[in-house]
C-alpha atoms as a PDB file:
ATOM      1  CA  MET A   1      17.427  -1.475 -19.844  1.00  0.00           C
ATOM      2  CA  VAL A   2      14.280  -2.186 -17.841  1.00  0.00           C
ATOM      3  CA  LEU A   3      15.796  -0.586 -14.738  1.00  0.00           C
ATOM      4  CA  THR A   4      16.734   2.533 -16.686  1.00  0.00           C
ATOM      5  CA  MET A   5      13.179   2.848 -17.916  1.00  0.00           C
ATOM      6  CA  PHE A   6      11.798   2.750 -14.378  1.00  0.00           C
ATOM      7  CA  LEU A   7      14.307   5.221 -12.943  1.00  0.00           C
ATOM      8  CA  ALA A   8      13.704   7.725 -15.731  1.00  0.00           C
ATOM      9  CA  VAL A   9      10.686   8.910 -13.719  1.00  0.00           C
ATOM     10  CA  ALA A  10      11.594  11.990 -11.665  1.00  0.00           C
ATOM     11  CA  SER A  11      11.849  11.238  -7.960  1.00  0.00           C
ATOM     12  CA  PRO A  12       9.527  13.325  -5.756  1.00  0.00           C
ATOM     13  CA  THR A  13      11.141  15.510  -3.133  1.00  0.00           C
ATOM     14  CA  ALA A  14       9.574  16.531   0.148  1.00  0.00           C
ATOM     15  CA  ALA A  15      10.400  17.457   3.706  1.00  0.00           C
ATOM     16  CA  PRO A  16       9.216  14.962   6.324  1.00  0.00           C
ATOM     17  CA  GLN A  17       7.348  17.670   8.235  1.00  0.00           C
ATOM     18  CA  ASP A  18       5.380  18.622   5.116  1.00  0.00           C
ATOM     19  CA  LEU A  19       4.122  15.031   4.946  1.00  0.00           C
ATOM     20  CA  GLY A  20       3.094  14.934   8.588  1.00  0.00           C
ATOM     21  CA  LEU A  21       6.138  12.857   9.530  1.00  0.00           C
ATOM     22  CA  ALA A  22       8.485  13.212  12.482  1.00  0.00           C
ATOM     23  CA  PRO A  23      12.129  13.435  11.347  1.00  0.00           C
ATOM     24  CA  GLY A  24      14.334  10.840  12.973  1.00  0.00           C
ATOM     25  CA  GLU A  25      17.894   9.653  12.932  1.00  0.00           C
ATOM     26  CA  GLY A  26      20.376   9.441  10.097  1.00  0.00           C
ATOM     27  CA  ALA A  27      21.732   6.106   8.887  1.00  0.00           C
ATOM     28  CA  THR A  28      23.516   4.426   6.000  1.00  0.00           C
ATOM     29  CA  VAL A  29      21.923   1.701   3.874  1.00  0.00           C
ATOM     30  CA  THR A  30      24.275  -1.261   3.429  1.00  0.00           C
ATOM     31  CA  GLN A  31      21.946  -3.827   1.839  1.00  0.00           C
ATOM     32  CA  VAL A  32      18.703  -3.793  -0.140  1.00  0.00           C
ATOM     33  CA  ILE A  33      16.773  -6.952   0.657  1.00  0.00           C
ATOM     34  CA  ASP A  34      13.794  -6.431  -1.628  1.00  0.00           C
ATOM     35  CA  GLY A  35      11.770  -3.580  -3.067  1.00  0.00           C
ATOM     36  CA  ASP A  36      10.579  -2.326   0.316  1.00  0.00           C
ATOM     37  CA  THR A  37      13.131  -3.577   2.869  1.00  0.00           C
ATOM     38  CA  VAL A  38      16.704  -2.466   3.548  1.00  0.00           C
ATOM     39  CA  ARG A  39      19.406  -3.142   6.110  1.00  0.00           C
ATOM     40  CA  LEU A  40      21.332  -0.355   7.825  1.00  0.00           C
ATOM     41  CA  ALA A  41      24.979  -0.189   8.835  1.00  0.00           C
ATOM     42  CA  ASP A  42      24.045  -0.997  12.439  1.00  0.00           C
ATOM     43  CA  GLY A  43      22.380  -4.236  11.310  1.00  0.00           C
ATOM     44  CA  GLN A  44      18.802  -3.120  11.774  1.00  0.00           C
ATOM     45  CA  GLU A  45      16.252  -3.706   9.028  1.00  0.00           C
ATOM     46  CA  VAL A  46      13.896  -1.012   7.835  1.00  0.00           C
ATOM     47  CA  ARG A  47      10.538  -1.835   6.283  1.00  0.00           C
ATOM     48  CA  LEU A  48       9.547   1.086   4.054  1.00  0.00           C
ATOM     49  CA  VAL A  49       6.219   1.739   5.700  1.00  0.00           C
ATOM     50  CA  GLY A  50       3.255   2.749   3.556  1.00  0.00           C
ATOM     51  CA  ILE A  51       4.158   0.772   0.446  1.00  0.00           C
ATOM     52  CA  MET A  52       4.244  -2.815  -0.768  1.00  0.00           C
ATOM     53  CA  ALA A  53       6.669  -3.658  -3.549  1.00  0.00           C
ATOM     54  CA  PRO A  54       6.545  -6.946  -5.493  1.00  0.00           C
ATOM     55  CA  LYS A  55       7.801  -9.708  -3.239  1.00  0.00           C
ATOM     56  CA  LEU A  56      10.849 -11.927  -3.651  1.00  0.00           C
ATOM     57  CA  SER A  57      10.640 -15.453  -2.238  1.00  0.00           C
ATOM     58  CA  LEU A  58      13.895 -14.972  -0.268  1.00  0.00           C
ATOM     59  CA  GLY A  59      14.100 -18.705   0.402  1.00  0.00           C
ATOM     60  CA  ARG A  60      10.486 -19.088   1.513  1.00  0.00           C
ATOM     61  CA  ASP A  61       9.166 -22.297  -0.044  1.00  0.00           C
ATOM     62  CA  TRP A  62       5.552 -21.145   0.120  1.00  0.00           C
ATOM     63  CA  LEU A  63       6.188 -17.934  -1.817  1.00  0.00           C
ATOM     64  CA  ALA A  64       7.203 -17.573  -5.454  1.00  0.00           C
ATOM     65  CA  ASP A  65       8.886 -14.448  -6.748  1.00  0.00           C
ATOM     66  CA  GLN A  66       6.187 -12.021  -7.814  1.00  0.00           C
ATOM     67  CA  PRO A  67       6.382 -10.355 -11.243  1.00  0.00           C
ATOM     68  CA  LEU A  68       8.839  -7.438 -11.351  1.00  0.00           C
ATOM     69  CA  ALA A  69      10.155  -8.209  -7.848  1.00  0.00           C
ATOM     70  CA  GLU A  70      13.771  -8.100  -9.021  1.00  0.00           C
ATOM     71  CA  ALA A  71      13.152  -4.853 -10.904  1.00  0.00           C
ATOM     72  CA  ALA A  72      11.721  -3.286  -7.744  1.00  0.00           C
ATOM     73  CA  ARG A  73      14.671  -4.433  -5.655  1.00  0.00           C
ATOM     74  CA  ASP A  74      17.153  -3.147  -8.231  1.00  0.00           C
ATOM     75  CA  ALA A  75      15.385   0.211  -8.482  1.00  0.00           C
ATOM     76  CA  LEU A  76      15.437   0.640  -4.709  1.00  0.00           C
ATOM     77  CA  ALA A  77      19.102  -0.348  -4.655  1.00  0.00           C
ATOM     78  CA  ALA A  78      19.895   2.286  -7.264  1.00  0.00           C
ATOM     79  CA  LEU A  79      18.191   4.861  -5.050  1.00  0.00           C
ATOM     80  CA  VAL A  80      19.587   4.025  -1.624  1.00  0.00           C
ATOM     81  CA  ASP A  81      22.276   1.319  -1.539  1.00  0.00           C
ATOM     82  CA  GLY A  82      25.402   2.618   0.141  1.00  0.00           C
ATOM     83  CA  LYS A  83      23.839   6.039   0.710  1.00  0.00           C
ATOM     84  CA  ALA A  84      23.100   8.130   3.757  1.00  0.00           C
ATOM     85  CA  VAL A  85      19.410   8.416   4.531  1.00  0.00           C
ATOM     86  CA  THR A  86      17.251  10.113   7.136  1.00  0.00           C
ATOM     87  CA  LEU A  87      14.486   8.088   8.754  1.00  0.00           C
ATOM     88  CA  ALA A  88      11.090   9.665   9.473  1.00  0.00           C
ATOM     89  CA  TYR A  89       8.105   8.298  11.325  1.00  0.00           C
ATOM     90  CA  GLY A  90       4.340   8.577  11.063  1.00  0.00           C
ATOM     91  CA  GLY A  91       3.060   5.950  13.457  1.00  0.00           C
ATOM     92  CA  THR A  92       4.142   2.700  15.061  1.00  0.00           C
ATOM     93  CA  ARG A  93       7.932   2.459  14.798  1.00  0.00           C
ATOM     94  CA  LEU A  94       8.542  -1.298  14.996  1.00  0.00           C
ATOM     95  CA  ASP A  95       6.688  -4.238  13.458  1.00  0.00           C
ATOM     96  CA  ARG A  96       6.203  -7.660  15.036  1.00  0.00           C
ATOM     97  CA  HIS A  97       9.423  -8.856  13.408  1.00  0.00           C
ATOM     98  CA  GLY A  98      11.454  -6.111  15.065  1.00  0.00           C
ATOM     99  CA  ARG A  99      11.947  -4.180  11.840  1.00  0.00           C
ATOM    100  CA  ILE A 100      11.922  -0.389  11.889  1.00  0.00           C
ATOM    101  CA  LEU A 101       8.856   1.108  10.201  1.00  0.00           C
ATOM    102  CA  ALA A 102       9.996   4.341   8.604  1.00  0.00           C
ATOM    103  CA  HIS A 103       9.980   6.606   5.586  1.00  0.00           C
ATOM    104  CA  LEU A 104      13.382   7.212   4.019  1.00  0.00           C
ATOM    105  CA  PHE A 105      14.748  10.494   2.660  1.00  0.00           C
ATOM    106  CA  LEU A 106      17.977  11.066   0.758  1.00  0.00           C
ATOM    107  CA  ALA A 107      20.289  14.023   1.272  1.00  0.00           C
ATOM    108  CA  ASP A 108      18.860  15.736  -1.834  1.00  0.00           C
ATOM    109  CA  GLY A 109      15.332  15.537  -0.397  1.00  0.00           C
ATOM    110  CA  THR A 110      14.204  12.517  -2.408  1.00  0.00           C
ATOM    111  CA  TRP A 111      11.351  10.769  -0.630  1.00  0.00           C
ATOM    112  CA  VAL A 112      12.099   7.105  -1.277  1.00  0.00           C
ATOM    113  CA  GLN A 113       8.563   5.794  -0.833  1.00  0.00           C
ATOM    114  CA  GLY A 114       7.309   8.449  -3.206  1.00  0.00           C
ATOM    115  CA  ALA A 115       9.962   7.591  -5.777  1.00  0.00           C
ATOM    116  CA  MET A 116       9.030   3.900  -5.764  1.00  0.00           C
ATOM    117  CA  LEU A 117       5.334   4.698  -6.139  1.00  0.00           C
ATOM    118  CA  GLU A 118       5.944   7.245  -8.886  1.00  0.00           C
ATOM    119  CA  ALA A 119       8.006   4.712 -10.820  1.00  0.00           C
ATOM    120  CA  GLY A 120       5.161   2.181 -10.607  1.00  0.00           C
ATOM    121  CA  LEU A 121       7.185  -0.247  -8.507  1.00  0.00           C
ATOM    122  CA  ALA A 122       5.011  -0.365  -5.401  1.00  0.00           C
ATOM    123  CA  ARG A 123       1.430  -0.067  -4.191  1.00  0.00           C
ATOM    124  CA  VAL A 124       0.183   1.941  -1.232  1.00  0.00           C
ATOM    125  CA  TYR A 125      -0.123  -0.351   1.796  1.00  0.00           C
ATOM    126  CA  SER A 126      -1.376   1.444   4.887  1.00  0.00           C
ATOM    127  CA  PHE A 127      -2.123   0.345   8.430  1.00  0.00           C
ATOM    128  CA  ALA A 128      -4.476   1.649  11.101  1.00  0.00           C
ATOM    129  CA  ASP A 129      -1.462   2.528  13.272  1.00  0.00           C
ATOM    130  CA  ASN A 130       0.614   4.006  10.404  1.00  0.00           C
ATOM    131  CA  ARG A 131      -1.468   6.304   8.233  1.00  0.00           C
ATOM    132  CA  SER A 132       0.672   9.405   7.681  1.00  0.00           C
ATOM    133  CA  ALA A 133       1.304  10.672   4.137  1.00  0.00           C
ATOM    134  CA  ILE A 134      -1.222   8.264   2.609  1.00  0.00           C
ATOM    135  CA  ALA A 135      -2.964  10.930   0.487  1.00  0.00           C
ATOM    136  CA  PRO A 136       0.174  11.993  -1.430  1.00  0.00           C
ATOM    137  CA  MET A 137       1.203   8.344  -1.780  1.00  0.00           C
ATOM    138  CA  LEU A 138      -2.177   7.477  -3.291  1.00  0.00           C
ATOM    139  CA  ALA A 139      -1.770  10.364  -5.739  1.00  0.00           C
ATOM    140  CA  LEU A 140       1.663   9.137  -6.826  1.00  0.00           C
ATOM    141  CA  GLU A 141       0.354   5.583  -7.206  1.00  0.00           C
ATOM    142  CA  ALA A 142      -2.571   6.839  -9.300  1.00  0.00           C
ATOM    143  CA  GLY A 143      -0.246   8.734 -11.632  1.00  0.00           C
ATOM    144  CA  ALA A 144       1.905   5.667 -12.246  1.00  0.00           C
ATOM    145  CA  ARG A 145      -1.153   3.499 -12.782  1.00  0.00           C
ATOM    146  CA  ALA A 146      -2.640   5.944 -15.301  1.00  0.00           C
ATOM    147  CA  ALA A 147       0.665   5.931 -17.191  1.00  0.00           C
ATOM    148  CA  GLY A 148       0.930   2.128 -17.113  1.00  0.00           C
ATOM    149  CA  LEU A 149       4.340   2.248 -15.446  1.00  0.00           C
ATOM    150  CA  GLY A 150       6.033  -0.728 -13.815  1.00  0.00           C
ATOM    151  CA  ILE A 151       3.631  -3.103 -12.122  1.00  0.00           C
ATOM    152  CA  TRP A 152       0.635  -1.338 -13.624  1.00  0.00           C
ATOM    153  CA  SER A 153       1.407  -2.849 -17.028  1.00  0.00           C
ATOM    154  CA  HIS A 154       1.214  -6.377 -15.559  1.00  0.00           C
ATOM    155  CA  PRO A 155      -2.122  -8.207 -15.002  1.00  0.00           C
ATOM    156  CA  PHE A 156      -0.904  -9.634 -11.691  1.00  0.00           C
ATOM    157  CA  TYR A 157      -1.367  -6.169 -10.157  1.00  0.00           C
ATOM    158  CA  ALA A 158      -4.509  -5.104 -12.010  1.00  0.00           C
ATOM    159  CA  VAL A 159      -7.253  -3.286 -10.143  1.00  0.00           C
ATOM    160  CA  ARG A 160      -9.952  -5.940  -9.785  1.00  0.00           C
ATOM    161  CA  ASP A 161     -13.537  -5.401 -10.881  1.00  0.00           C
ATOM    162  CA  ALA A 162     -15.935  -5.894  -7.969  1.00  0.00           C
ATOM    163  CA  ALA A 163     -18.641  -6.763 -10.489  1.00  0.00           C
ATOM    164  CA  ALA A 164     -16.617  -9.881 -11.421  1.00  0.00           C
ATOM    165  CA  PRO A 165     -15.916 -11.464  -8.016  1.00  0.00           C
ATOM    166  CA  ARG A 166     -14.418 -14.615  -9.503  1.00  0.00           C
ATOM    167  CA  SER A 167     -11.576 -12.469 -10.841  1.00  0.00           C
ATOM    168  CA  VAL A 168     -10.550 -11.409  -7.320  1.00  0.00           C
ATOM    169  CA  PRO A 169      -7.731 -13.644  -6.000  1.00  0.00           C
ATOM    170  CA  LEU A 170      -7.979 -14.874  -2.420  1.00  0.00           C
ATOM    171  CA  ASP A 171      -5.314 -14.647   0.293  1.00  0.00           C
ATOM    172  CA  SER A 172      -3.737 -11.786  -1.616  1.00  0.00           C
ATOM    173  CA  TYR A 173      -3.277  -8.046  -1.234  1.00  0.00           C
ATOM    174  CA  GLU A 174      -5.628  -6.564  -3.816  1.00  0.00           C
ATOM    175  CA  ILE A 175      -7.127  -3.298  -5.015  1.00  0.00           C
ATOM    176  CA  VAL A 176     -10.790  -3.684  -5.935  1.00  0.00           C
ATOM    177  CA  GLU A 177     -13.074  -1.127  -7.556  1.00  0.00           C
ATOM    178  CA  GLY A 178     -16.848  -1.017  -7.933  1.00  0.00           C
ATOM    179  CA  VAL A 179     -20.172   0.535  -6.935  1.00  0.00           C
ATOM    180  CA  VAL A 180     -21.393  -0.049  -3.390  1.00  0.00           C
ATOM    181  CA  VAL A 181     -24.795  -1.586  -4.046  1.00  0.00           C
ATOM    182  CA  ASP A 182     -25.712  -1.739  -0.384  1.00  0.00           C
ATOM    183  CA  ALA A 183     -24.182  -0.346   2.822  1.00  0.00           C
ATOM    184  CA  ALA A 184     -25.617  -1.963   5.914  1.00  0.00           C
ATOM    185  CA  GLU A 185     -25.000  -2.217   9.646  1.00  0.00           C
ATOM    186  CA  VAL A 186     -25.634  -5.585  11.299  1.00  0.00           C
ATOM    187  CA  ASP A 187     -24.750  -6.109  14.974  1.00  0.00           C
ATOM    188  CA  ARG A 188     -22.629  -2.918  14.830  1.00  0.00           C
ATOM    189  CA  ARG A 189     -20.523  -4.357  11.984  1.00  0.00           C
ATOM    190  CA  ILE A 190     -20.674  -2.424   8.705  1.00  0.00           C
ATOM    191  CA  TYR A 191     -20.908  -4.251   5.388  1.00  0.00           C
ATOM    192  CA  LEU A 192     -20.234  -2.627   2.027  1.00  0.00           C
ATOM    193  CA  ASN A 193     -21.695  -4.955  -0.580  1.00  0.00           C
ATOM    194  CA  PHE A 194     -20.665  -4.678  -4.228  1.00  0.00           C
ATOM    195  CA  GLY A 195     -23.377  -6.980  -5.613  1.00  0.00           C
ATOM    196  CA  GLN A 196     -26.882  -8.257  -4.998  1.00  0.00           C
ATOM    197  CA  ASP A 197     -25.863 -11.817  -4.138  1.00  0.00           C
ATOM    198  CA  TRP A 198     -24.204 -11.498  -0.735  1.00  0.00           C
ATOM    199  CA  THR A 199     -23.073 -15.150  -0.852  1.00  0.00           C
ATOM    200  CA  LYS A 200     -20.923 -14.621  -3.957  1.00  0.00           C
ATOM    201  CA  ASP A 201     -20.118 -10.946  -4.416  1.00  0.00           C
ATOM    202  CA  VAL A 202     -17.290  -8.827  -3.045  1.00  0.00           C
ATOM    203  CA  THR A 203     -17.892  -7.409   0.435  1.00  0.00           C
ATOM    204  CA  ALA A 204     -15.902  -5.013   2.595  1.00  0.00           C
ATOM    205  CA  THR A 205     -16.408  -5.283   6.347  1.00  0.00           C
ATOM    206  CA  ILE A 206     -15.689  -2.874   9.184  1.00  0.00           C
ATOM    207  CA  ALA A 207     -15.637  -4.357  12.687  1.00  0.00           C
ATOM    208  CA  PRO A 208     -17.277  -2.535  15.631  1.00  0.00           C
ATOM    209  CA  GLY A 209     -13.900  -1.913  17.261  1.00  0.00           C
ATOM    210  CA  ASP A 210     -12.602  -0.091  14.174  1.00  0.00           C
ATOM    211  CA  ARG A 211     -15.485   2.348  13.807  1.00  0.00           C
ATOM    212  CA  ALA A 212     -13.926   4.893  16.167  1.00  0.00           C
ATOM    213  CA  THR A 213     -11.132   5.445  13.622  1.00  0.00           C
ATOM    214  CA  PHE A 214     -13.728   6.431  11.034  1.00  0.00           C
ATOM    215  CA  ARG A 215     -15.590   8.712  13.444  1.00  0.00           C
ATOM    216  CA  ALA A 216     -12.338  10.498  14.297  1.00  0.00           C
ATOM    217  CA  THR A 217     -11.959  11.515  10.645  1.00  0.00           C
ATOM    218  CA  HIS A 218     -15.688  12.163  10.140  1.00  0.00           C
ATOM    219  CA  ALA A 219     -15.814   9.362   7.600  1.00  0.00           C
ATOM    220  CA  ASN A 220     -19.188   7.646   7.294  1.00  0.00           C
ATOM    221  CA  PRO A 221     -18.946   4.329   5.413  1.00  0.00           C
ATOM    222  CA  LEU A 222     -22.740   3.970   5.379  1.00  0.00           C
ATOM    223  CA  ALA A 223     -22.913   7.086   3.183  1.00  0.00           C
ATOM    224  CA  LEU A 224     -21.026   5.234   0.430  1.00  0.00           C
ATOM    225  CA  GLU A 225     -24.103   3.369  -0.813  1.00  0.00           C
ATOM    226  CA  GLY A 226     -24.527   4.067  -4.521  1.00  0.00           C
ATOM    227  CA  LYS A 227     -20.997   5.481  -4.777  1.00  0.00           C
ATOM    228  CA  ARG A 228     -18.130   4.127  -6.842  1.00  0.00           C
ATOM    229  CA  VAL A 229     -15.177   3.366  -4.595  1.00  0.00           C
ATOM    230  CA  ARG A 230     -11.796   1.704  -4.649  1.00  0.00           C
ATOM    231  CA  ILE A 231     -10.848  -0.473  -1.678  1.00  0.00           C
ATOM    232  CA  ARG A 232      -7.596  -2.240  -0.846  1.00  0.00           C
ATOM    233  CA  GLY A 233      -6.537  -4.942   1.569  1.00  0.00           C
ATOM    234  CA  TRP A 234      -6.022  -8.647   2.051  1.00  0.00           C
ATOM    235  CA  THR A 235      -8.721 -10.852   0.550  1.00  0.00           C
ATOM    236  CA  THR A 236     -10.370 -13.720   2.394  1.00  0.00           C
ATOM    237  CA  TRP A 237     -13.464 -15.827   1.729  1.00  0.00           C
ATOM    238  CA  ARG A 238     -16.554 -14.902   3.722  1.00  0.00           C
ATOM    239  CA  ASN A 239     -19.554 -15.900   1.620  1.00  0.00           C
ATOM    240  CA  GLY A 240     -17.595 -14.474  -1.295  1.00  0.00           C
ATOM    241  CA  PRO A 241     -14.389 -12.435  -1.538  1.00  0.00           C
ATOM    242  CA  SER A 242     -14.099 -10.188   1.511  1.00  0.00           C
ATOM    243  CA  ILE A 243     -11.709  -7.410   2.536  1.00  0.00           C
ATOM    244  CA  VAL A 244     -11.442  -6.228   6.128  1.00  0.00           C
ATOM    245  CA  ILE A 245     -11.324  -2.436   6.367  1.00  0.00           C
ATOM    246  CA  ASP A 246      -9.909  -1.074   9.618  1.00  0.00           C
ATOM    247  CA  HIS A 247      -9.046   2.508   8.659  1.00  0.00           C
ATOM    248  CA  PRO A 248     -10.498   5.091   6.252  1.00  0.00           C
ATOM    249  CA  GLU A 249      -7.469   5.271   3.948  1.00  0.00           C
ATOM    250  CA  GLN A 250      -8.320   1.809   2.620  1.00  0.00           C
ATOM    251  CA  ILE A 251     -11.305   3.374   0.832  1.00  0.00           C
ATOM    252  CA  GLU A 252     -11.085   5.875  -1.997  1.00  0.00           C
ATOM    253  CA  GLU A 253     -14.315   7.481  -3.154  1.00  0.00           C
ATOM    254  CA  LEU A 254     -14.143   7.935  -6.935  1.00  0.00           C
ATOM    255  CA  GLU A 255     -15.863  10.367  -9.265  1.00  0.00           C
END
């Protein structure tokens, strides 16, 4: 019954070229490993680039099944298991584990990443070397979140309040929202501070080597001071919760 509820959301259709993607080879999915990973008939694994679905432990002692992980896997299986798909690419094509990094499209034009986001069963998860189609993915994620679909009805995946830094989990992929109280450059590193106490509050950091990516898109992080933004990434502790930002798509400027 839960699965039916998720799949009742209409799946978005698109052509790879319209999303800035390069169409690739055809393949058949023979196994769905989790909500964002599948195996093809030739034995290769595909990581659905651009999204992060709830994780299954898959025998890893250090990782517990995340909420709705089975629902995400089952929804992806209903979409693609045993079906012919076309792979499309928007950046780096292999990860460090040897998995293919691709977008998947069904014969009817269904964009699989878009369908998972629209159903509320994944979050946008972009990389500096794989940034194609992020804008439409963010829009689909936002629609599901506004409707409270899937993961967005569970507190584990809540958008964290930067004004309450103690509520931001560490060593976790998180979405954090707040007003940039101060944007500063120190030794060519940019800091976006979300509070007055830099030793406790949430901070986003941009390393000197990553600034060229922002210049290429005419994005100026220092201009975000006083603006309400939403950032996403892995949290660490650096005099308070910190998120490393290495490409502009990790920052959404809000109204």
